[in-house]
């Protein structure tokens, strides 16, 4: 599954806004919006997103 698809699933499952996710995962509130527009993140950014997704359980509300 592509990164954006995984992020979109996480947003749906947690009812989190795209800007909140970007701010929490990589410190960039436009991150998801930019991905939707075709942004290709650097390897280090991908690692940060992967680490963030691994740190939260699906449906866990405390990360909103």
Protein backbone atom coordinates (compact mmCIF):
# COMPACT_ATOMS: atom_id res chain seq x y z
CA UNK A 1 0.00 0.00 0.00
CA UNK A 2 1.34 3.44 -0.89
CA UNK A 3 2.26 5.88 1.85
CA UNK A 4 -0.52 8.32 1.00
CA UNK A 5 -3.06 5.49 1.06
CA UNK A 6 -1.83 4.43 4.51
CA UNK A 7 -2.03 8.01 5.76
CA UNK A 8 -5.53 8.46 4.34
CA UNK A 9 -6.61 5.22 6.07
CA UNK A 10 -5.12 6.46 9.35
CA UNK A 11 -6.93 9.80 9.00
CA UNK A 12 -10.23 8.04 8.38
CA UNK A 13 -9.77 5.52 11.19
CA UNK A 14 -8.79 8.15 13.76
CA UNK A 15 -10.95 11.03 12.50
CA UNK A 16 -7.79 13.16 12.42
CA UNK A 17 -7.41 16.15 10.14
CA UNK A 18 -4.69 16.13 7.50
CA UNK A 19 -3.09 19.24 9.01
CA UNK A 20 -2.97 17.72 12.48
CA UNK A 21 -1.39 14.54 11.13
CA UNK A 22 1.28 16.50 9.26
CA UNK A 23 2.04 18.63 12.29
CA UNK A 24 2.37 15.63 14.60
CA UNK A 25 4.18 13.28 12.22
CA UNK A 26 6.70 15.63 10.62
CA UNK A 27 6.09 19.12 11.97
CA UNK A 28 4.54 20.31 8.68
CA UNK A 29 0.80 21.01 8.66
CA UNK A 30 0.79 21.05 4.83
CA UNK A 31 2.49 17.66 4.50
CA UNK A 32 -0.58 15.58 3.59
CA UNK A 33 -2.01 18.31 1.39
CA UNK A 34 1.30 18.50 -0.47
CA UNK A 35 1.39 14.69 -0.83
CA UNK A 36 -2.06 14.85 -2.38
CA UNK A 37 -0.69 17.40 -4.86
CA UNK A 38 2.21 15.12 -5.84
CA UNK A 39 4.93 15.96 -3.33
CA UNK A 40 7.62 13.29 -3.08
CA UNK A 41 9.07 13.32 0.43
CA UNK A 42 12.71 12.71 1.25
CA UNK A 43 13.83 9.44 2.80
CA UNK A 44 14.23 11.00 6.27
CA UNK A 45 10.70 12.39 6.11
CA UNK A 46 9.39 8.97 5.09
CA UNK A 47 11.19 7.45 8.07
CA UNK A 48 9.56 9.98 10.41
CA UNK A 49 6.11 9.24 9.00
CA UNK A 50 6.69 5.48 9.29
CA UNK A 51 7.85 5.90 12.89
CA UNK A 52 4.79 7.99 13.72
CA UNK A 53 2.39 5.48 12.14
CA UNK A 54 4.12 2.64 14.00
CA UNK A 55 3.78 4.51 17.30
CA UNK A 56 0.00 4.87 17.12
CA UNK A 57 -2.49 2.03 17.22
CA UNK A 58 -5.45 2.12 14.84
CA UNK A 59 -8.39 3.85 16.46
CA UNK A 60 -6.34 5.31 19.28
CA UNK A 61 -7.92 8.68 20.06
CA UNK A 62 -5.15 10.16 22.21
CA UNK A 63 -3.15 11.17 19.11
CA UNK A 64 -5.76 13.51 17.68
